[in-house]
Amino acid sequence: MEEMIKVYALSTCPYCKRTKKFLDEHKIPYDCTDVDMLDDDEQDKVLEEIERISGKRAFPVVVIGPEVIVGHDEDRLRRALKL
């Protein structure tokens, strides 16, 4: 896969952990930002970005090219990643 995958997550979120585990198990490289680990100013910026791209503040958010997947959805991940 050529596109870099971006994951926005919370470090304590079980659905975020499942999504990262799914990507790891399929050896899919991704860049992850644990939003709750950022300082306040950076967190505000990232939350605004998440809301802009997904329309809400829910986690995880996975960006694969033009596709934005909100929540842990293995079926959509499989389709987007062509697995």
N, C-alpha and C. Protein backbone atom coordinates (compact mmCIF):
# COMPACT_ATOMS: atom_id res chain seq x y z
N MET A 1 0.85 -1.18 0.00
CA MET A 1 0.00 0.00 0.00
C MET A 1 0.89 1.23 0.00
N GLU A 2 0.65 2.16 -0.89
CA GLU A 2 1.51 3.31 -1.05
C GLU A 2 1.14 4.47 -0.14
N GLU A 3 -0.16 4.63 0.16
CA GLU A 3 -0.58 5.78 0.95
C GLU A 3 -0.26 5.55 2.42
N MET A 4 0.16 6.61 3.07
CA MET A 4 0.39 6.50 4.50
C MET A 4 -0.96 6.53 5.21
N ILE A 5 -1.10 5.66 6.16
CA ILE A 5 -2.34 5.57 6.92
C ILE A 5 -2.14 6.35 8.22
N LYS A 6 -3.13 7.17 8.52
CA LYS A 6 -3.08 7.99 9.74
C LYS A 6 -4.17 7.50 10.68
N VAL A 7 -3.80 7.25 11.93
CA VAL A 7 -4.75 6.83 12.95
C VAL A 7 -4.74 7.87 14.06
N TYR A 8 -5.92 8.36 14.39
CA TYR A 8 -6.11 9.23 15.55
C TYR A 8 -6.79 8.37 16.60
N ALA A 9 -6.19 8.30 17.78
CA ALA A 9 -6.68 7.39 18.81
C ALA A 9 -6.58 8.03 20.19
N LEU A 10 -7.14 7.32 21.15
CA LEU A 10 -6.94 7.65 22.56
C LEU A 10 -6.19 6.48 23.17
N SER A 11 -5.21 6.76 24.01
CA SER A 11 -4.36 5.69 24.54
C SER A 11 -5.13 4.68 25.39
N THR A 12 -6.27 5.08 25.96
CA THR A 12 -7.03 4.19 26.83
C THR A 12 -8.26 3.57 26.16
N CYS A 13 -8.50 3.90 24.91
CA CYS A 13 -9.71 3.46 24.20
C CYS A 13 -9.58 2.02 23.71
N PRO A 14 -10.48 1.12 24.14
CA PRO A 14 -10.38 -0.28 23.70
C PRO A 14 -10.60 -0.45 22.19
N TYR A 15 -11.44 0.38 21.59
CA TYR A 15 -11.67 0.28 20.15
C TYR A 15 -10.44 0.75 19.38
N CYS A 16 -9.76 1.76 19.90
CA CYS A 16 -8.53 2.24 19.29
C CYS A 16 -7.46 1.14 19.34
N LYS A 17 -7.38 0.47 20.49
CA LYS A 17 -6.40 -0.61 20.64
C LYS A 17 -6.69 -1.74 19.66
N ARG A 18 -7.97 -2.05 19.46
CA ARG A 18 -8.34 -3.10 18.50
C ARG A 18 -7.95 -2.72 17.08
N THR A 19 -8.17 -1.46 16.74
CA THR A 19 -7.83 -1.00 15.39
C THR A 19 -6.33 -1.09 15.17
N LYS A 20 -5.54 -0.62 16.13
CA LYS A 20 -4.08 -0.68 16.00
C LYS A 20 -3.61 -2.13 15.94
N LYS A 21 -4.22 -3.00 16.74
CA LYS A 21 -3.86 -4.43 16.72
C LYS A 21 -4.17 -5.03 15.35
N PHE A 22 -5.33 -4.69 14.79
CA PHE A 22 -5.71 -5.17 13.46
C PHE A 22 -4.66 -4.77 12.43
N LEU A 23 -4.27 -3.50 12.43
CA LEU A 23 -3.27 -3.02 11.48
C LEU A 23 -1.92 -3.70 11.71
N ASP A 24 -1.53 -3.86 12.96
CA ASP A 24 -0.26 -4.53 13.28
C ASP A 24 -0.27 -5.98 12.81
N GLU A 25 -1.38 -6.69 13.07
CA GLU A 25 -1.47 -8.10 12.67
C GLU A 25 -1.37 -8.28 11.16
N HIS A 26 -1.84 -7.27 10.40
CA HIS A 26 -1.77 -7.35 8.95
C HIS A 26 -0.53 -6.65 8.39
N LYS A 27 0.37 -6.27 9.31
CA LYS A 27 1.64 -5.64 8.94
C LYS A 27 1.44 -4.40 8.06
N ILE A 28 0.43 -3.62 8.42
CA ILE A 28 0.11 -2.39 7.72
C ILE A 28 0.80 -1.24 8.45
N PRO A 29 1.73 -0.54 7.80
CA PRO A 29 2.36 0.60 8.48
C PRO A 29 1.38 1.77 8.61
N TYR A 30 1.46 2.45 9.73
CA TYR A 30 0.57 3.59 9.97
C TYR A 30 1.24 4.56 10.93
N ASP A 31 0.76 5.78 10.87
CA ASP A 31 1.21 6.81 11.80
C ASP A 31 0.07 7.04 12.77
N CYS A 32 0.36 6.93 14.07
CA CYS A 32 -0.69 7.06 15.08
C CYS A 32 -0.43 8.25 15.98
N THR A 33 -1.48 9.00 16.23
CA THR A 33 -1.45 10.07 17.22
C THR A 33 -2.43 9.72 18.33
N ASP A 34 -1.88 9.51 19.52
CA ASP A 34 -2.74 9.31 20.70
C ASP A 34 -3.08 10.71 21.22
N VAL A 35 -4.26 11.16 20.88
CA VAL A 35 -4.67 12.55 21.12
C VAL A 35 -4.61 12.91 22.59
N ASP A 36 -4.98 11.99 23.47
CA ASP A 36 -4.99 12.30 24.90
C ASP A 36 -3.59 12.47 25.49
N MET A 37 -2.56 12.12 24.74
CA MET A 37 -1.19 12.26 25.22
C MET A 37 -0.54 13.58 24.79
N LEU A 38 -1.25 14.35 23.97
CA LEU A 38 -0.72 15.63 23.49
C LEU A 38 -0.92 16.72 24.55
N ASP A 39 -0.12 17.78 24.45
CA ASP A 39 -0.36 18.90 25.35
C ASP A 39 -1.65 19.61 24.92
N ASP A 40 -2.18 20.46 25.77
CA ASP A 40 -3.50 21.05 25.55
C ASP A 40 -3.64 21.77 24.21
N ASP A 41 -2.67 22.62 23.85
CA ASP A 41 -2.78 23.37 22.60
C ASP A 41 -2.77 22.44 21.39
N GLU A 42 -1.85 21.48 21.39
CA GLU A 42 -1.76 20.54 20.28
C GLU A 42 -3.01 19.67 20.22
N GLN A 43 -3.51 19.28 21.38
CA GLN A 43 -4.72 18.46 21.44
C GLN A 43 -5.90 19.21 20.82
N ASP A 44 -6.03 20.48 21.14
CA ASP A 44 -7.13 21.28 20.55
C ASP A 44 -7.02 21.32 19.03
N LYS A 45 -5.82 21.50 18.51
CA LYS A 45 -5.62 21.55 17.05
C LYS A 45 -5.99 20.22 16.40
N VAL A 46 -5.54 19.14 17.01
CA VAL A 46 -5.82 17.82 16.45
C VAL A 46 -7.30 17.48 16.54
N LEU A 47 -7.95 17.83 17.64
CA LEU A 47 -9.39 17.59 17.75
C LEU A 47 -10.17 18.37 16.69
N GLU A 48 -9.76 19.60 16.41
CA GLU A 48 -10.40 20.37 15.33
C GLU A 48 -10.20 19.68 13.99
N GLU A 49 -8.99 19.16 13.75
CA GLU A 49 -8.70 18.44 12.50
C GLU A 49 -9.57 17.19 12.38
N ILE A 50 -9.70 16.45 13.48
CA ILE A 50 -10.53 15.24 13.48
C ILE A 50 -11.98 15.59 13.17
N GLU A 51 -12.47 16.63 13.80
CA GLU A 51 -13.85 17.04 13.56
C GLU A 51 -14.05 17.50 12.11
N ARG A 52 -13.05 18.17 11.56
CA ARG A 52 -13.13 18.64 10.18
C ARG A 52 -13.18 17.46 9.20
N ILE A 53 -12.33 16.46 9.41
CA ILE A 53 -12.28 15.36 8.44
C ILE A 53 -13.37 14.31 8.66
N SER A 54 -13.85 14.16 9.91
CA SER A 54 -14.82 13.08 10.16
C SER A 54 -16.21 13.59 10.50
N GLY A 55 -16.34 14.88 10.81
CA GLY A 55 -17.64 15.42 11.16
C GLY A 55 -18.02 15.22 12.62
N LYS A 56 -17.14 14.59 13.41
CA LYS A 56 -17.44 14.38 14.82
C LYS A 56 -16.15 14.15 15.59
N ARG A 57 -16.29 14.07 16.89
CA ARG A 57 -15.16 13.77 17.76
C ARG A 57 -15.38 12.39 18.35
N ALA A 58 -15.01 11.40 17.60
CA ALA A 58 -15.14 10.01 18.02
C ALA A 58 -13.84 9.30 17.65
N PHE A 59 -13.55 8.22 18.35
CA PHE A 59 -12.29 7.51 18.12
C PHE A 59 -12.52 6.03 17.97
N PRO A 60 -11.63 5.34 17.26
CA PRO A 60 -10.53 5.87 16.48
C PRO A 60 -11.01 6.48 15.17
N VAL A 61 -10.14 7.28 14.56
CA VAL A 61 -10.36 7.79 13.21
C VAL A 61 -9.18 7.29 12.39
N VAL A 62 -9.48 6.58 11.31
CA VAL A 62 -8.44 6.05 10.43
C VAL A 62 -8.60 6.72 9.07
N VAL A 63 -7.53 7.33 8.59
CA VAL A 63 -7.55 8.00 7.30
C VAL A 63 -6.68 7.20 6.35
N ILE A 64 -7.32 6.69 5.30
CA ILE A 64 -6.63 5.91 4.27
C ILE A 64 -6.92 6.59 2.95
N GLY A 65 -5.98 7.42 2.48
CA GLY A 65 -6.24 8.20 1.28
C GLY A 65 -7.45 9.08 1.50
N PRO A 66 -8.42 9.01 0.58
CA PRO A 66 -9.62 9.84 0.75
C PRO A 66 -10.64 9.27 1.73
N GLU A 67 -10.45 8.03 2.15
CA GLU A 67 -11.42 7.36 3.02
C GLU A 67 -11.15 7.66 4.49
N VAL A 68 -12.21 7.99 5.20
CA VAL A 68 -12.14 8.25 6.64
C VAL A 68 -13.06 7.25 7.33
N ILE A 69 -12.48 6.45 8.21
CA ILE A 69 -13.24 5.43 8.93
C ILE A 69 -13.26 5.83 10.40
N VAL A 70 -14.47 6.01 10.93
CA VAL A 70 -14.64 6.40 12.34
C VAL A 70 -15.11 5.18 13.11
N GLY A 71 -14.42 4.87 14.19
CA GLY A 71 -14.76 3.71 14.99
C GLY A 71 -14.01 2.49 14.49
N HIS A 72 -14.05 1.43 15.28
CA HIS A 72 -13.38 0.19 14.90
C HIS A 72 -14.31 -0.59 13.98
N ASP A 73 -13.96 -0.65 12.69
CA ASP A 73 -14.80 -1.30 11.69
C ASP A 73 -13.90 -2.14 10.78
N GLU A 74 -13.71 -3.40 11.17
CA GLU A 74 -12.79 -4.26 10.43
C GLU A 74 -13.22 -4.47 8.99
N ASP A 75 -14.52 -4.55 8.72
CA ASP A 75 -14.97 -4.74 7.34
C ASP A 75 -14.55 -3.57 6.46
N ARG A 76 -14.77 -2.36 6.95
CA ARG A 76 -14.36 -1.17 6.17
C ARG A 76 -12.85 -1.09 6.05
N LEU A 77 -12.13 -1.45 7.10
CA LEU A 77 -10.66 -1.45 7.02
C LEU A 77 -10.20 -2.45 5.96
N ARG A 78 -10.77 -3.64 5.98
CA ARG A 78 -10.39 -4.67 4.98
C ARG A 78 -10.63 -4.17 3.56
N ARG A 79 -11.80 -3.55 3.34
CA ARG A 79 -12.11 -3.04 1.99
C ARG A 79 -11.15 -1.92 1.60
N ALA A 80 -10.93 -0.99 2.50
CA ALA A 80 -10.07 0.15 2.19
C ALA A 80 -8.63 -0.28 1.94
N LEU A 81 -8.19 -1.32 2.66
CA LEU A 81 -6.82 -1.80 2.54
C LEU A 81 -6.69 -2.93 1.52
N LYS A 82 -7.82 -3.32 0.92
CA LYS A 82 -7.86 -4.41 -0.06
C LYS A 82 -7.28 -5.71 0.51
N LEU A 83 -7.75 -6.06 1.70
CA LEU A 83 -7.29 -7.30 2.35
C LEU A 83 -8.25 -8.44 2.07
